[in-house]
Protein backbone atom coordinates (compact mmCIF):
# COMPACT_ATOMS: atom_id res chain seq x y z
CA UNK A 1 -0.25 0.12 0.36
CA UNK A 2 1.27 3.85 -0.87
CA UNK A 3 -0.34 6.13 1.32
CA UNK A 4 -0.58 9.41 -0.30
CA UNK A 5 -1.76 11.71 2.00
CA UNK A 6 -3.85 11.60 5.36
CA UNK A 7 -5.52 14.14 7.76
CA UNK A 8 -7.82 14.47 10.00
CA UNK A 9 -11.20 16.78 9.22
CA UNK A 10 -12.74 17.68 12.84
CA UNK A 11 -16.75 18.55 11.93
CA UNK A 12 -18.13 19.03 15.59
CA UNK A 13 -16.67 18.24 18.79
CA UNK A 14 -16.79 14.62 20.19
CA UNK A 15 -16.19 11.35 18.78
CA UNK A 16 -18.26 8.87 17.59
CA UNK A 17 -17.17 5.22 17.72
CA UNK A 18 -17.12 2.95 13.90
CA UNK A 19 -17.72 -0.49 13.16
CA UNK A 20 -13.84 -1.15 11.19
CA UNK A 21 -15.75 -2.46 8.25
CA UNK A 22 -18.01 -0.16 6.01
CA UNK A 23 -21.74 -0.36 6.09
CA UNK A 24 -23.67 -1.85 3.28
CA UNK A 25 -25.51 1.86 2.71
CA UNK A 26 -23.86 4.99 2.31
CA UNK A 27 -25.53 8.40 3.61
CA UNK A 28 -25.60 12.15 4.18
CA UNK A 29 -23.52 13.21 6.45
CA UNK A 30 -26.68 15.18 7.94
CA UNK A 31 -27.54 11.53 8.27
CA UNK A 32 -25.00 11.25 10.76
CA UNK A 33 -25.29 13.71 13.84
CA UNK A 34 -22.87 15.50 15.51
CA UNK A 35 -19.61 13.62 14.84
CA UNK A 36 -16.06 13.92 14.57
CA UNK A 37 -15.18 12.78 10.74
CA UNK A 38 -11.99 11.47 10.04
CA UNK A 39 -10.67 11.15 6.99
CA UNK A 40 -7.52 9.26 5.73
CA UNK A 41 -7.06 9.53 1.89
CA UNK A 42 -5.16 6.25 0.97
CA UNK A 43 -3.55 5.59 -2.36
CA UNK A 44 -2.66 1.94 -3.57
CA UNK A 45 -1.14 0.54 -6.79
CA UNK A 46 -3.28 -1.98 -8.29
CA UNK A 47 -2.55 -4.42 -11.04
CA UNK A 48 -5.19 -5.93 -13.12
CA UNK A 49 -4.89 -8.42 -16.20
CA UNK A 50 -6.93 -9.40 -19.27
CA UNK A 51 -5.59 -12.21 -21.65
CA UNK A 52 -3.21 -10.04 -23.31
CA UNK A 53 -1.75 -7.30 -20.82
CA UNK A 54 -1.19 -6.50 -17.73
CA UNK A 55 -2.35 -2.78 -16.31
CA UNK A 56 -1.22 -0.83 -13.56
CA UNK A 57 -3.86 1.46 -11.83
CA UNK A 58 -4.31 3.33 -9.00
CA UNK A 59 -6.98 3.30 -6.30
CA UNK A 60 -7.92 6.21 -3.58
CA UNK A 61 -10.47 6.16 -1.29
CA UNK A 62 -10.94 6.81 2.47
CA UNK A 63 -10.09 3.91 4.42
CA UNK A 64 -11.44 5.39 7.76
CA UNK A 65 -15.26 5.76 5.90
CA UNK A 66 -17.93 3.52 7.55
CA UNK A 67 -20.13 3.51 4.58
CA UNK A 68 -19.84 1.78 1.22
CA UNK A 69 -19.89 4.87 -1.51
CA UNK A 70 -20.22 4.81 -4.79
CA UNK A 71 -16.99 4.22 -7.44
CA UNK A 72 -15.46 6.19 -10.22
CA UNK A 73 -13.51 4.86 -13.05
CA UNK A 74 -10.95 7.78 -14.19
CA UNK A 75 -9.32 7.44 -17.84
CA UNK A 76 -6.27 9.15 -18.38
CA UNK A 77 -5.82 11.60 -21.45
CA UNK A 78 -3.49 10.22 -24.22
CA UNK A 79 -0.74 10.75 -22.39
CA UNK A 80 -1.16 7.75 -20.28
CA UNK A 81 -1.30 6.88 -17.06
CA UNK A 82 0.41 9.96 -15.10
CA UNK A 83 0.59 11.58 -12.20
CA UNK A 84 -2.21 14.06 -12.92
CA UNK A 85 -4.61 11.12 -13.39
CA UNK A 86 -3.32 9.75 -9.86
CA UNK A 87 -4.25 13.07 -8.41
CA UNK A 88 -7.90 13.14 -10.12
CA UNK A 89 -8.33 10.19 -8.35
CA UNK A 90 -7.39 11.26 -5.12
CA UNK A 91 -9.56 14.53 -5.14
CA UNK A 92 -12.57 12.29 -5.68
CA UNK A 93 -11.57 10.43 -2.96
CA UNK A 94 -11.39 13.32 -1.33
CA UNK A 95 -15.34 13.95 -1.83
CA UNK A 96 -16.19 10.42 -0.59
CA UNK A 97 -16.05 8.23 -3.57
CA UNK A 98 -13.97 5.20 -3.87
CA UNK A 99 -12.01 6.08 -7.55
CA UNK A 100 -9.92 4.17 -10.05
CA UNK A 101 -7.31 5.97 -11.96
CA UNK A 102 -7.25 3.01 -14.98
CA UNK A 103 -4.54 2.19 -17.15
CA UNK A 104 -5.90 1.73 -20.61
CA UNK A 105 -2.42 1.56 -22.44
CA UNK A 106 -0.98 -1.84 -20.53
CA UNK A 107 1.68 -1.72 -18.40
CA UNK A 108 1.40 1.56 -17.16
CA UNK A 109 2.85 3.17 -20.64
CA UNK A 110 2.97 6.59 -20.60
CA UNK A 111 3.88 8.61 -24.27
CA UNK A 112 6.31 11.31 -24.15
CA UNK A 113 5.78 12.59 -27.48
CA UNK A 114 2.55 13.17 -29.48
CA UNK A 115 3.45 11.01 -32.25
CA UNK A 116 3.46 7.69 -29.62
CA UNK A 117 0.52 9.09 -28.07
CA UNK A 118 -1.63 8.99 -31.04
CA UNK A 119 0.07 5.69 -31.49
CA UNK A 120 -1.06 4.09 -27.94
CA UNK A 121 -4.81 5.95 -28.03
CA UNK A 122 -5.18 4.74 -31.41
CA UNK A 123 -4.53 1.33 -30.70
CA UNK A 124 -7.65 1.63 -28.36
CA UNK A 125 -10.04 3.62 -29.56
CA UNK A 126 -9.44 1.07 -33.68
CA UNK A 127 -10.34 -1.80 -31.36
CA UNK A 128 -13.22 -1.26 -29.08
CA UNK A 129 -13.29 -4.93 -28.22
CA UNK A 130 -10.26 -4.52 -26.52
CA UNK A 131 -10.71 -1.26 -24.72
CA UNK A 132 -14.11 -2.78 -23.43
CA UNK A 133 -12.10 -6.17 -22.00
CA UNK A 134 -9.78 -3.78 -20.55
CA UNK A 135 -12.56 -1.15 -19.60
CA UNK A 136 -14.48 -3.53 -18.01
CA UNK A 137 -11.65 -5.59 -16.10
CA UNK A 138 -11.35 -2.37 -13.92
CA UNK A 139 -15.00 -2.23 -13.11
CA UNK A 140 -14.43 -5.66 -11.77
CA UNK A 141 -11.10 -4.52 -9.49
CA UNK A 142 -13.29 -1.09 -8.96
CA UNK A 143 -16.50 -3.10 -7.61
CA UNK A 144 -14.32 -5.50 -5.46
CA UNK A 145 -12.79 -3.10 -3.29
CA UNK A 146 -14.36 -3.71 0.04
CA UNK A 147 -15.27 0.39 0.05
CA UNK A 148 -17.44 0.73 -3.09
CA UNK A 149 -21.40 0.37 -2.83
CA UNK A 150 -22.87 -2.69 -4.87
CA UNK A 151 -23.87 -1.46 -8.20
CA UNK A 152 -22.67 2.18 -8.08
CA UNK A 153 -20.03 3.21 -11.05
CA UNK A 154 -19.74 5.54 -12.85
CA UNK A 155 -16.69 7.02 -15.11
CA UNK A 156 -14.86 10.60 -15.71
CA UNK A 157 -12.17 10.59 -18.49
CA UNK A 158 -10.15 13.46 -20.19
CA UNK A 159 -9.29 14.03 -23.53
CA UNK A 160 -8.79 10.65 -25.14
CA UNK A 161 -10.25 9.33 -21.84
CA UNK A 162 -13.61 11.43 -22.65
CA UNK A 163 -14.08 9.84 -25.62
CA UNK A 164 -13.34 6.43 -24.23
CA UNK A 165 -15.80 6.42 -21.40
CA UNK A 166 -18.33 8.08 -23.94
CA UNK A 167 -18.14 5.27 -26.18
CA UNK A 168 -18.17 2.53 -23.70
CA UNK A 169 -21.24 4.06 -22.28
CA UNK A 170 -22.69 3.90 -25.95
CA UNK A 171 -21.60 0.09 -26.16
CA UNK A 172 -23.89 -0.40 -23.20
CA UNK A 173 -21.39 -0.93 -20.59
CA UNK A 174 -23.27 -0.69 -17.05
CA UNK A 175 -22.39 2.77 -16.17
CA UNK A 176 -24.86 4.88 -13.60
CA UNK A 177 -23.06 8.51 -15.49
CA UNK A 178 -20.18 9.45 -17.79
CA UNK A 179 -18.64 12.78 -17.04
CA UNK A 180 -16.15 13.61 -20.37
CA UNK A 181 -13.53 16.80 -19.93
CA UNK A 182 -12.26 18.41 -23.08
CA UNK A 183 -13.27 15.07 -25.17
CA UNK A 184 -13.93 14.33 -28.67
CA UNK A 185 -17.66 13.81 -29.82
CA UNK A 186 -17.01 11.85 -32.79
CA UNK A 187 -16.97 9.02 -31.83
CA UNK A 188 -15.69 5.13 -32.43
CA UNK A 189 -19.72 4.01 -31.27
CA UNK A 190 -21.92 6.69 -31.63
CA UNK A 191 -24.85 7.20 -29.36
CA UNK A 192 -27.45 4.49 -29.68
CA UNK A 193 -30.57 2.71 -27.71
CA UNK A 194 -27.70 0.69 -25.64
CA UNK A 195 -26.72 3.68 -23.94
CA UNK A 196 -28.01 3.86 -20.64
CA UNK A 197 -26.01 6.17 -18.68
CA UNK A 198 -26.11 10.03 -17.83
CA UNK A 199 -23.93 11.95 -19.73
CA UNK A 200 -21.76 14.94 -19.15
CA UNK A 201 -19.43 16.52 -21.70
CA UNK A 202 -17.45 19.83 -20.74
CA UNK A 203 -15.24 21.17 -23.51
CA UNK A 204 -13.68 24.55 -24.59
CA UNK A 205 -15.13 26.34 -26.69
CA UNK A 206 -12.19 27.52 -28.32
CA UNK A 207 -10.56 23.70 -28.69
CA UNK A 208 -9.81 23.31 -32.42
CA UNK A 209 -9.62 19.67 -31.68
CA UNK A 210 -13.54 19.63 -30.89
CA UNK A 211 -15.13 20.78 -34.52
CA UNK A 212 -18.41 22.47 -34.39
CA UNK A 213 -19.75 20.14 -36.75
CA UNK A 214 -18.87 16.91 -34.05
CA UNK A 215 -20.70 18.88 -31.56
CA UNK A 216 -24.08 19.24 -33.56
CA UNK A 217 -23.83 16.02 -34.62
CA UNK A 218 -23.53 14.59 -31.14
CA UNK A 219 -26.29 16.75 -30.01
CA UNK A 220 -28.73 15.59 -32.58
CA UNK A 221 -27.90 11.73 -32.02
CA UNK A 222 -28.56 12.27 -27.85
CA UNK A 223 -31.47 13.98 -28.75
CA UNK A 224 -32.82 11.55 -31.18
CA UNK A 225 -32.40 9.24 -27.91
CA UNK A 226 -34.41 11.36 -25.75
CA UNK A 227 -31.92 10.49 -22.99
CA UNK A 228 -30.29 12.37 -20.17
CA UNK A 229 -27.55 14.48 -21.33
CA UNK A 230 -25.46 18.40 -20.76
CA UNK A 231 -22.87 19.93 -23.20
CA UNK A 232 -20.98 22.42 -21.48
CA UNK A 233 -18.98 24.70 -23.22
CA UNK A 234 -16.28 26.90 -21.47
CA UNK A 235 -15.60 30.45 -23.54
CA UNK A 236 -11.95 30.62 -24.32
CA UNK A 237 -10.59 27.77 -23.17
CA UNK A 238 -8.55 25.28 -25.20
CA UNK A 239 -7.96 21.69 -25.24
CA UNK A 240 -6.54 20.10 -21.85
CA UNK A 241 -7.98 23.09 -20.06
CA UNK A 242 -7.88 21.05 -16.79
CA UNK A 243 -4.13 20.12 -16.80
CA UNK A 244 -1.52 22.87 -15.19
CA UNK A 245 0.93 20.87 -17.50
CA UNK A 246 -0.90 21.76 -20.67
CA UNK A 247 0.74 25.31 -20.88
CA UNK A 248 4.39 23.41 -20.70
CA UNK A 249 3.24 20.44 -23.04
CA UNK A 250 1.61 22.94 -25.51
CA UNK A 251 4.74 24.77 -25.88
CA UNK A 252 7.13 21.99 -25.91
CA UNK A 253 5.28 20.45 -29.00
CA UNK A 254 3.83 23.48 -30.45
CA UNK A 255 0.01 22.42 -29.74
CA UNK A 256 -3.01 24.41 -28.99
CA UNK A 257 -3.00 23.62 -25.25
CA UNK A 258 -3.32 25.49 -22.64
CA UNK A 259 -4.60 25.52 -18.43
CA UNK A 260 -7.59 27.58 -18.19
CA UNK A 261 -8.29 27.75 -14.16
CA UNK A 262 -11.39 29.15 -14.28
CA UNK A 263 -12.92 26.46 -16.75
CA UNK A 264 -11.03 23.62 -14.86
CA UNK A 265 -12.78 25.18 -11.75
CA UNK A 266 -16.01 25.79 -13.07
CA UNK A 267 -16.35 22.32 -14.54
CA UNK A 268 -15.54 20.53 -11.70
CA UNK A 269 -17.97 22.06 -9.78
CA UNK A 270 -20.37 21.42 -12.57
CA UNK A 271 -19.65 17.57 -12.20
CA UNK A 272 -19.80 17.65 -8.64
CA UNK A 273 -23.29 19.01 -9.19
CA UNK A 274 -23.88 16.51 -11.87
CA UNK A 275 -22.65 13.60 -9.58
CA UNK A 276 -25.14 15.09 -6.84
CA UNK A 277 -27.90 14.43 -9.43
CA UNK A 278 -26.65 10.55 -9.73
CA UNK A 279 -26.41 10.09 -6.14
CA UNK A 280 -27.96 12.33 -3.94
CA UNK A 281 -26.93 10.48 -0.83
CA UNK A 282 -23.36 11.85 -1.84
CA UNK A 283 -23.21 15.46 0.47
CA UNK A 284 -20.02 17.23 -0.53
């Protein structure tokens, strides 16, 4: 086990003793009464396999929580499974979720150049059966965590990861909801009747990688299905607007990437609102 961070949050003035194992159902803080809530966010390396590859992920959760919580898969940008996606998993754990930062490329591979990133991401997106096998294996790992509430699994994704989770939802993978950030919407699997998850997409209005035509087509497909979804567009934001490393990466490789602190903050808050609708008992 790798402990990434641990801290104590004092809510009020006295301690309520807790069982060592999580309860079967989660509940809001309002139903717990006046207690001191201990939060110890733990991050663990986790390996899982399909028939063809070993994947190296990272799971984050509050080990002192006595109530089982929804699980969230976090799918990385086209750069691969980096510290950035792990930090997002920790941020979800701080909200009370059980979060698994997945490895879609296998063996923890990271791309150090856009050409490698294009190769790795293309390998996955051009083989949806392989992608689904890797994605559903990650779901199995998340479900087996003793802190995860039964039957409550959603996903978030960034860039490549956003497109991937939308495609998985469109394939009918059993997810409650998906929230995609700076994601393409011209997908290898278009929205169709197999889609059951609620959908949130949040893109930069000035992202040159997301064409107006692709957005219009995506919205038309979703509207035709009469499925619940939301599409948010942030004025002035470019691709990778949530990643603080976007500025340096954009400069290094001459790509239209840029971090936007305001869009980052707003999109995270919008995601929180989205998941509070999906899981109303969660209280951030």
